[in-house]
């Protein structure tokens, strides 16, 4: 399992649309992908899970992915949130 930590983009507008985009982009990867923020760990392919994180700009998160396309999955999360 690969894990990368980064801060949420400073100008990110985090709403259901952003969460939906992330889940849609991740639907094409086969890896299991999780986001950890604070005490919460959610499946990054779950719209409810991603929305429930209620991320704010500059929040520190960790993204973990396990599978053949783990690097691609992490890059997708970084592109949308980082």
PDB file of N, CA and C in Angstrom:
ATOM      1  N   UNK A   1       0.839  -1.176   0.000  1.00  0.00           N
ATOM      2  CA  UNK A   1       0.000   0.000   0.000  1.00  0.00           C
ATOM      3  C   UNK A   1       0.883   1.237   0.000  1.00  0.00           C
ATOM      4  N   UNK A   2       0.568   2.169  -0.865  1.00  0.00           N
ATOM      5  CA  UNK A   2       1.312   3.416  -0.969  1.00  0.00           C
ATOM      6  C   UNK A   2       0.505   4.518  -0.300  1.00  0.00           C
ATOM      7  N   UNK A   3       1.188   5.356   0.471  1.00  0.00           N
ATOM      8  CA  UNK A   3       0.530   6.469   1.159  1.00  0.00           C
ATOM      9  C   UNK A   3       1.287   7.759   0.909  1.00  0.00           C
ATOM     10  N   UNK A   4       0.544   8.823   0.626  1.00  0.00           N
ATOM     11  CA  UNK A   4       1.117  10.143   0.389  1.00  0.00           C
ATOM     12  C   UNK A   4       0.335  11.150   1.222  1.00  0.00           C
ATOM     13  N   UNK A   5       1.063  12.052   1.889  1.00  0.00           N
ATOM     14  CA  UNK A   5       0.423  13.126   2.653  1.00  0.00           C
ATOM     15  C   UNK A   5       0.614  14.452   1.931  1.00  0.00           C
ATOM     16  N   UNK A   6      -0.421  15.285   1.981  1.00  0.00           N
ATOM     17  CA  UNK A   6      -0.326  16.629   1.428  1.00  0.00           C
ATOM     18  C   UNK A   6      -1.428  17.490   2.025  1.00  0.00           C
ATOM     19  N   UNK A   7      -1.330  18.792   1.796  1.00  0.00           N
ATOM     20  CA  UNK A   7      -2.345  19.726   2.273  1.00  0.00           C
ATOM     21  C   UNK A   7      -3.354  19.993   1.171  1.00  0.00           C
ATOM     22  N   UNK A   8      -4.595  20.175   1.574  1.00  0.00           N
ATOM     23  CA  UNK A   8      -5.653  20.517   0.633  1.00  0.00           C
ATOM     24  C   UNK A   8      -5.330  21.884   0.033  1.00  0.00           C
ATOM     25  N   UNK A   9      -5.597  22.012  -1.243  1.00  0.00           N
ATOM     26  CA  UNK A   9      -5.312  23.249  -1.978  1.00  0.00           C
ATOM     27  C   UNK A   9      -5.948  24.457  -1.280  1.00  0.00           C
ATOM     28  N   UNK A  10      -5.211  25.540  -1.226  1.00  0.00           N
ATOM     29  CA  UNK A  10      -5.635  26.742  -0.504  1.00  0.00           C
ATOM     30  C   UNK A  10      -6.910  27.358  -1.065  1.00  0.00           C
ATOM     31  N   UNK A  11      -7.117  27.289  -2.372  1.00  0.00           N
ATOM     32  CA  UNK A  11      -8.288  27.918  -2.988  1.00  0.00           C
ATOM     33  C   UNK A  11      -9.389  26.915  -3.328  1.00  0.00           C
ATOM     34  N   UNK A  12      -9.355  25.749  -2.701  1.00  0.00           N
ATOM     35  CA  UNK A  12     -10.340  24.707  -2.995  1.00  0.00           C
ATOM     36  C   UNK A  12     -11.715  25.092  -2.463  1.00  0.00           C
ATOM     37  N   UNK A  13     -12.725  24.982  -3.318  1.00  0.00           N
ATOM     38  CA  UNK A  13     -14.116  25.097  -2.891  1.00  0.00           C
ATOM     39  C   UNK A  13     -14.596  23.663  -2.724  1.00  0.00           C
ATOM     40  N   UNK A  14     -14.703  23.236  -1.471  1.00  0.00           N
ATOM     41  CA  UNK A  14     -15.033  21.838  -1.195  1.00  0.00           C
ATOM     42  C   UNK A  14     -16.534  21.717  -0.990  1.00  0.00           C
ATOM     43  N   UNK A  15     -17.183  21.114  -1.956  1.00  0.00           N
ATOM     44  CA  UNK A  15     -18.621  20.924  -1.893  1.00  0.00           C
ATOM     45  C   UNK A  15     -18.969  19.593  -2.541  1.00  0.00           C
ATOM     46  N   UNK A  16     -20.251  19.324  -2.683  1.00  0.00           N
ATOM     47  CA  UNK A  16     -20.686  18.043  -3.255  1.00  0.00           C
ATOM     48  C   UNK A  16     -20.195  17.878  -4.696  1.00  0.00           C
ATOM     49  N   UNK A  17     -20.084  18.972  -5.424  1.00  0.00           N
ATOM     50  CA  UNK A  17     -19.605  18.892  -6.809  1.00  0.00           C
ATOM     51  C   UNK A  17     -18.152  18.410  -6.842  1.00  0.00           C
ATOM     52  N   UNK A  18     -17.313  18.981  -5.990  1.00  0.00           N
ATOM     53  CA  UNK A  18     -15.908  18.572  -5.928  1.00  0.00           C
ATOM     54  C   UNK A  18     -15.793  17.113  -5.515  1.00  0.00           C
ATOM     55  N   UNK A  19     -16.552  16.727  -4.498  1.00  0.00           N
ATOM     56  CA  UNK A  19     -16.532  15.335  -4.042  1.00  0.00           C
ATOM     57  C   UNK A  19     -16.997  14.405  -5.157  1.00  0.00           C
ATOM     58  N   UNK A  20     -18.021  14.803  -5.882  1.00  0.00           N
ATOM     59  CA  UNK A  20     -18.530  13.995  -6.989  1.00  0.00           C
ATOM     60  C   UNK A  20     -17.518  13.835  -8.109  1.00  0.00           C
ATOM     61  N   UNK A  21     -16.799  14.905  -8.409  1.00  0.00           N
ATOM     62  CA  UNK A  21     -15.751  14.834  -9.436  1.00  0.00           C
ATOM     63  C   UNK A  21     -14.677  13.835  -9.028  1.00  0.00           C
ATOM     64  N   UNK A  22     -14.266  13.910  -7.766  1.00  0.00           N
ATOM     65  CA  UNK A  22     -13.228  12.998  -7.288  1.00  0.00           C
ATOM     66  C   UNK A  22     -13.689  11.549  -7.421  1.00  0.00           C
ATOM     67  N   UNK A  23     -14.887  11.261  -6.973  1.00  0.00           N
ATOM     68  CA  UNK A  23     -15.412   9.895  -7.034  1.00  0.00           C
ATOM     69  C   UNK A  23     -15.544   9.432  -8.488  1.00  0.00           C
ATOM     70  N   UNK A  24     -15.982  10.314  -9.357  1.00  0.00           N
ATOM     71  CA  UNK A  24     -16.121   9.969 -10.779  1.00  0.00           C
ATOM     72  C   UNK A  24     -14.766   9.634 -11.395  1.00  0.00           C
ATOM     73  N   UNK A  25     -13.754  10.460 -11.137  1.00  0.00           N
ATOM     74  CA  UNK A  25     -12.417  10.196 -11.671  1.00  0.00           C
ATOM     75  C   UNK A  25     -11.860   8.878 -11.136  1.00  0.00           C
ATOM     76  N   UNK A  26     -12.120   8.595  -9.869  1.00  0.00           N
ATOM     77  CA  UNK A  26     -11.583   7.367  -9.262  1.00  0.00           C
ATOM     78  C   UNK A  26     -12.342   6.114  -9.699  1.00  0.00           C
ATOM     79  N   UNK A  27     -13.490   6.272 -10.311  1.00  0.00           N
ATOM     80  CA  UNK A  27     -14.257   5.094 -10.738  1.00  0.00           C
ATOM     81  C   UNK A  27     -13.537   4.304 -11.823  1.00  0.00           C
ATOM     82  N   UNK A  28     -12.580   4.934 -12.489  1.00  0.00           N
ATOM     83  CA  UNK A  28     -11.834   4.257 -13.560  1.00  0.00           C
ATOM     84  C   UNK A  28     -10.625   3.474 -13.057  1.00  0.00           C
ATOM     85  N   UNK A  29     -10.261   3.622 -11.779  1.00  0.00           N
ATOM     86  CA  UNK A  29      -9.119   2.884 -11.254  1.00  0.00           C
ATOM     87  C   UNK A  29      -9.609   1.661 -10.474  1.00  0.00           C
ATOM     88  N   UNK A  30      -8.770   0.636 -10.453  1.00  0.00           N
ATOM     89  CA  UNK A  30      -9.156  -0.594  -9.766  1.00  0.00           C
ATOM     90  C   UNK A  30      -8.642  -0.664  -8.334  1.00  0.00           C
ATOM     91  N   UNK A  31      -7.714   0.189  -7.995  1.00  0.00           N
ATOM     92  CA  UNK A  31      -7.128   0.187  -6.652  1.00  0.00           C
ATOM     93  C   UNK A  31      -8.148   0.593  -5.596  1.00  0.00           C
ATOM     94  N   UNK A  32      -7.924   0.101  -4.381  1.00  0.00           N
ATOM     95  CA  UNK A  32      -8.669   0.585  -3.225  1.00  0.00           C
ATOM     96  C   UNK A  32      -8.001   1.880  -2.809  1.00  0.00           C
ATOM     97  N   UNK A  33      -8.799   2.928  -2.580  1.00  0.00           N
ATOM     98  CA  UNK A  33      -8.258   4.245  -2.277  1.00  0.00           C
ATOM     99  C   UNK A  33      -8.948   4.786  -1.028  1.00  0.00           C
ATOM    100  N   UNK A  34      -8.151   5.266  -0.079  1.00  0.00           N
ATOM    101  CA  UNK A  34      -8.690   5.803   1.166  1.00  0.00           C
ATOM    102  C   UNK A  34      -8.082   7.165   1.440  1.00  0.00           C
ATOM    103  N   UNK A  35      -8.892   8.033   2.060  1.00  0.00           N
ATOM    104  CA  UNK A  35      -8.423   9.343   2.489  1.00  0.00           C
ATOM    105  C   UNK A  35      -8.553   9.400   4.002  1.00  0.00           C
ATOM    106  N   UNK A  36      -7.478   9.846   4.646  1.00  0.00           N
ATOM    107  CA  UNK A  36      -7.481  10.024   6.096  1.00  0.00           C
ATOM    108  C   UNK A  36      -7.330  11.509   6.379  1.00  0.00           C
ATOM    109  N   UNK A  37      -8.273  12.049   7.136  1.00  0.00           N
ATOM    110  CA  UNK A  37      -8.237  13.449   7.550  1.00  0.00           C
ATOM    111  C   UNK A  37      -8.664  13.503   9.006  1.00  0.00           C
ATOM    112  N   UNK A  38      -7.772  13.977   9.853  1.00  0.00           N
ATOM    113  CA  UNK A  38      -8.081  13.978  11.283  1.00  0.00           C
ATOM    114  C   UNK A  38      -8.243  12.550  11.772  1.00  0.00           C
ATOM    115  N   UNK A  39      -9.353  12.266  12.411  1.00  0.00           N
ATOM    116  CA  UNK A  39      -9.638  10.916  12.913  1.00  0.00           C
ATOM    117  C   UNK A  39     -10.491  10.095  11.954  1.00  0.00           C
ATOM    118  N   UNK A  40     -10.808  10.649  10.805  1.00  0.00           N
ATOM    119  CA  UNK A  40     -11.684   9.967   9.846  1.00  0.00           C
ATOM    120  C   UNK A  40     -10.878   9.292   8.746  1.00  0.00           C
ATOM    121  N   UNK A  41     -11.298   8.086   8.393  1.00  0.00           N
ATOM    122  CA  UNK A  41     -10.715   7.350   7.264  1.00  0.00           C
ATOM    123  C   UNK A  41     -11.880   6.898   6.399  1.00  0.00           C
ATOM    124  N   UNK A  42     -11.901   7.341   5.146  1.00  0.00           N
ATOM    125  CA  UNK A  42     -13.028   7.020   4.275  1.00  0.00           C
ATOM    126  C   UNK A  42     -12.556   6.433   2.953  1.00  0.00           C
ATOM    127  N   UNK A  43     -13.433   5.687   2.335  1.00  0.00           N
ATOM    128  CA  UNK A  43     -13.212   5.154   1.002  1.00  0.00           C
ATOM    129  C   UNK A  43     -13.356   6.330   0.034  1.00  0.00           C
ATOM    130  N   UNK A  44     -12.310   6.619  -0.715  1.00  0.00           N
ATOM    131  CA  UNK A  44     -12.326   7.761  -1.626  1.00  0.00           C
ATOM    132  C   UNK A  44     -13.246   7.551  -2.823  1.00  0.00           C
ATOM    133  N   UNK A  45     -13.769   6.354  -2.996  1.00  0.00           N
ATOM    134  CA  UNK A  45     -14.708   6.077  -4.080  1.00  0.00           C
ATOM    135  C   UNK A  45     -16.154   6.193  -3.604  1.00  0.00           C
ATOM    136  N   UNK A  46     -16.358   6.576  -2.359  1.00  0.00           N
ATOM    137  CA  UNK A  46     -17.690   6.727  -1.772  1.00  0.00           C
ATOM    138  C   UNK A  46     -18.040   8.201  -1.668  1.00  0.00           C
ATOM    139  N   UNK A  47     -19.073   8.625  -2.379  1.00  0.00           N
ATOM    140  CA  UNK A  47     -19.466  10.028  -2.360  1.00  0.00           C
ATOM    141  C   UNK A  47     -19.835  10.484  -0.951  1.00  0.00           C
ATOM    142  N   UNK A  48     -20.550   9.659  -0.216  1.00  0.00           N
ATOM    143  CA  UNK A  48     -20.940  10.016   1.156  1.00  0.00           C
ATOM    144  C   UNK A  48     -19.705  10.136   2.039  1.00  0.00           C
ATOM    145  N   UNK A  49     -18.768   9.209   1.897  1.00  0.00           N
ATOM    146  CA  UNK A  49     -17.547   9.259   2.683  1.00  0.00           C
ATOM    147  C   UNK A  49     -16.734  10.501   2.401  1.00  0.00           C
ATOM    148  N   UNK A  50     -16.579  10.821   1.133  1.00  0.00           N
ATOM    149  CA  UNK A  50     -15.774  11.976   0.757  1.00  0.00           C
ATOM    150  C   UNK A  50     -16.432  13.273   1.228  1.00  0.00           C
ATOM    151  N   UNK A  51     -17.738  13.389   1.074  1.00  0.00           N
ATOM    152  CA  UNK A  51     -18.437  14.580   1.543  1.00  0.00           C
ATOM    153  C   UNK A  51     -18.316  14.716   3.056  1.00  0.00           C
ATOM    154  N   UNK A  52     -18.396  13.588   3.761  1.00  0.00           N
ATOM    155  CA  UNK A  52     -18.383  13.623   5.229  1.00  0.00           C
ATOM    156  C   UNK A  52     -17.063  14.158   5.804  1.00  0.00           C
ATOM    157  N   UNK A  53     -16.004  14.174   5.018  1.00  0.00           N
ATOM    158  CA  UNK A  53     -14.730  14.697   5.503  1.00  0.00           C
ATOM    159  C   UNK A  53     -14.782  16.204   5.767  1.00  0.00           C
ATOM    160  N   UNK A  54     -15.655  16.912   5.057  1.00  0.00           N
ATOM    161  CA  UNK A  54     -15.802  18.366   5.222  1.00  0.00           C
ATOM    162  C   UNK A  54     -14.435  19.067   5.230  1.00  0.00           C
ATOM    163  N   UNK A  55     -13.657  18.786   4.212  1.00  0.00           N
ATOM    164  CA  UNK A  55     -12.301  19.349   4.127  1.00  0.00           C
ATOM    165  C   UNK A  55     -12.321  20.859   3.947  1.00  0.00           C
ATOM    166  N   UNK A  56     -11.314  21.482   4.509  1.00  0.00           N
ATOM    167  CA  UNK A  56     -11.128  22.922   4.386  1.00  0.00           C
ATOM    168  C   UNK A  56      -9.748  23.176   3.776  1.00  0.00           C
ATOM    169  N   UNK A  57      -9.567  24.342   3.150  1.00  0.00           N
ATOM    170  CA  UNK A  57      -8.246  24.660   2.600  1.00  0.00           C
ATOM    171  C   UNK A  57      -7.153  24.494   3.646  1.00  0.00           C
ATOM    172  N   UNK A  58      -6.049  23.950   3.216  1.00  0.00           N
ATOM    173  CA  UNK A  58      -4.852  23.714   4.027  1.00  0.00           C
ATOM    174  C   UNK A  58      -4.983  22.573   5.030  1.00  0.00           C
ATOM    175  N   UNK A  59      -6.108  21.842   5.057  1.00  0.00           N
ATOM    176  CA  UNK A  59      -6.196  20.654   5.904  1.00  0.00           C
ATOM    177  C   UNK A  59      -5.159  19.644   5.431  1.00  0.00           C
ATOM    178  N   UNK A  60      -4.518  18.964   6.366  1.00  0.00           N
ATOM    179  CA  UNK A  60      -3.555  17.924   6.019  1.00  0.00           C
ATOM    180  C   UNK A  60      -4.313  16.607   5.872  1.00  0.00           C
ATOM    181  N   UNK A  61      -4.081  15.925   4.743  1.00  0.00           N
ATOM    182  CA  UNK A  61      -4.718  14.633   4.512  1.00  0.00           C
ATOM    183  C   UNK A  61      -3.668  13.621   4.073  1.00  0.00           C
ATOM    184  N   UNK A  62      -4.016  12.353   4.247  1.00  0.00           N
ATOM    185  CA  UNK A  62      -3.184  11.263   3.751  1.00  0.00           C
ATOM    186  C   UNK A  62      -4.037  10.437   2.796  1.00  0.00           C
ATOM    187  N   UNK A  63      -3.472  10.086   1.673  1.00  0.00           N
ATOM    188  CA  UNK A  63      -4.161   9.263   0.683  1.00  0.00           C
ATOM    189  C   UNK A  63      -3.402   7.953   0.562  1.00  0.00           C
ATOM    190  N   UNK A  64      -4.125   6.848   0.728  1.00  0.00           N
ATOM    191  CA  UNK A  64      -3.534   5.519   0.603  1.00  0.00           C
ATOM    192  C   UNK A  64      -4.216   4.785  -0.532  1.00  0.00           C
ATOM    193  N   UNK A  65      -3.431   4.051  -1.294  1.00  0.00           N
ATOM    194  CA  UNK A  65      -3.983   3.266  -2.395  1.00  0.00           C
ATOM    195  C   UNK A  65      -3.254   1.932  -2.473  1.00  0.00           C
ATOM    196  N   UNK A  66      -4.016   0.906  -2.785  1.00  0.00           N
ATOM    197  CA  UNK A  66      -3.478  -0.438  -2.882  1.00  0.00           C
ATOM    198  C   UNK A  66      -4.016  -1.080  -4.150  1.00  0.00           C
ATOM    199  N   UNK A  67      -3.117  -1.406  -5.079  1.00  0.00           N
ATOM    200  CA  UNK A  67      -3.523  -2.034  -6.325  1.00  0.00           C
ATOM    201  C   UNK A  67      -2.556  -1.712  -7.440  1.00  0.00           C
ATOM    202  N   UNK A  68      -2.851  -2.236  -8.598  1.00  0.00           N
ATOM    203  CA  UNK A  68      -1.943  -2.088  -9.731  1.00  0.00           C
ATOM    204  C   UNK A  68      -1.844  -0.659 -10.246  1.00  0.00           C
ATOM    205  N   UNK A  69      -2.876   0.145 -10.016  1.00  0.00           N
ATOM    206  CA  UNK A  69      -2.844   1.535 -10.472  1.00  0.00           C
ATOM    207  C   UNK A  69      -2.881   2.513  -9.294  1.00  0.00           C
ATOM    208  N   UNK A  70      -2.229   2.132  -8.203  1.00  0.00           N
ATOM    209  CA  UNK A  70      -2.216   2.951  -6.985  1.00  0.00           C
ATOM    210  C   UNK A  70      -1.622   4.329  -7.235  1.00  0.00           C
ATOM    211  N   UNK A  71      -0.536   4.392  -7.987  1.00  0.00           N
ATOM    212  CA  UNK A  71       0.089   5.692  -8.263  1.00  0.00           C
ATOM    213  C   UNK A  71      -0.869   6.616  -9.006  1.00  0.00           C
ATOM    214  N   UNK A  72      -1.573   6.076  -9.980  1.00  0.00           N
ATOM    215  CA  UNK A  72      -2.540   6.863 -10.740  1.00  0.00           C
ATOM    216  C   UNK A  72      -3.664   7.355  -9.825  1.00  0.00           C
ATOM    217  N   UNK A  73      -4.145   6.490  -8.945  1.00  0.00           N
ATOM    218  CA  UNK A  73      -5.225   6.858  -8.026  1.00  0.00           C
ATOM    219  C   UNK A  73      -4.805   8.006  -7.118  1.00  0.00           C
ATOM    220  N   UNK A  74      -3.607   7.933  -6.589  1.00  0.00           N
ATOM    221  CA  UNK A  74      -3.113   8.990  -5.708  1.00  0.00           C
ATOM    222  C   UNK A  74      -2.955  10.298  -6.480  1.00  0.00           C
ATOM    223  N   UNK A  75      -2.474  10.218  -7.697  1.00  0.00           N
ATOM    224  CA  UNK A  75      -2.328  11.429  -8.522  1.00  0.00           C
ATOM    225  C   UNK A  75      -3.687  12.081  -8.806  1.00  0.00           C
ATOM    226  N   UNK A  76      -4.710  11.264  -8.990  1.00  0.00           N
ATOM    227  CA  UNK A  76      -6.056  11.807  -9.214  1.00  0.00           C
ATOM    228  C   UNK A  76      -6.510  12.603  -7.991  1.00  0.00           C
ATOM    229  N   UNK A  77      -6.324  12.040  -6.813  1.00  0.00           N
ATOM    230  CA  UNK A  77      -6.735  12.728  -5.587  1.00  0.00           C
ATOM    231  C   UNK A  77      -5.930  14.023  -5.423  1.00  0.00           C
ATOM    232  N   UNK A  78      -4.636  13.964  -5.688  1.00  0.00           N
ATOM    233  CA  UNK A  78      -3.808  15.161  -5.585  1.00  0.00           C
ATOM    234  C   UNK A  78      -4.240  16.223  -6.582  1.00  0.00           C
ATOM    235  N   UNK A  79      -4.627  15.809  -7.772  1.00  0.00           N
ATOM    236  CA  UNK A  79      -5.064  16.762  -8.806  1.00  0.00           C
ATOM    237  C   UNK A  79      -6.347  17.474  -8.382  1.00  0.00           C
ATOM    238  N   UNK A  80      -7.272  16.740  -7.790  1.00  0.00           N
ATOM    239  CA  UNK A  80      -8.558  17.323  -7.414  1.00  0.00           C
ATOM    240  C   UNK A  80      -8.470  18.131  -6.124  1.00  0.00           C
ATOM    241  N   UNK A  81      -7.751  17.610  -5.137  1.00  0.00           N
ATOM    242  CA  UNK A  81      -7.739  18.248  -3.813  1.00  0.00           C
ATOM    243  C   UNK A  81      -6.465  19.010  -3.487  1.00  0.00           C
ATOM    244  N   UNK A  82      -5.355  18.622  -4.091  1.00  0.00           N
ATOM    245  CA  UNK A  82      -4.067  19.180  -3.702  1.00  0.00           C
ATOM    246  C   UNK A  82      -3.670  20.420  -4.418  1.00  0.00           C
TER     247      UNK A  82
END
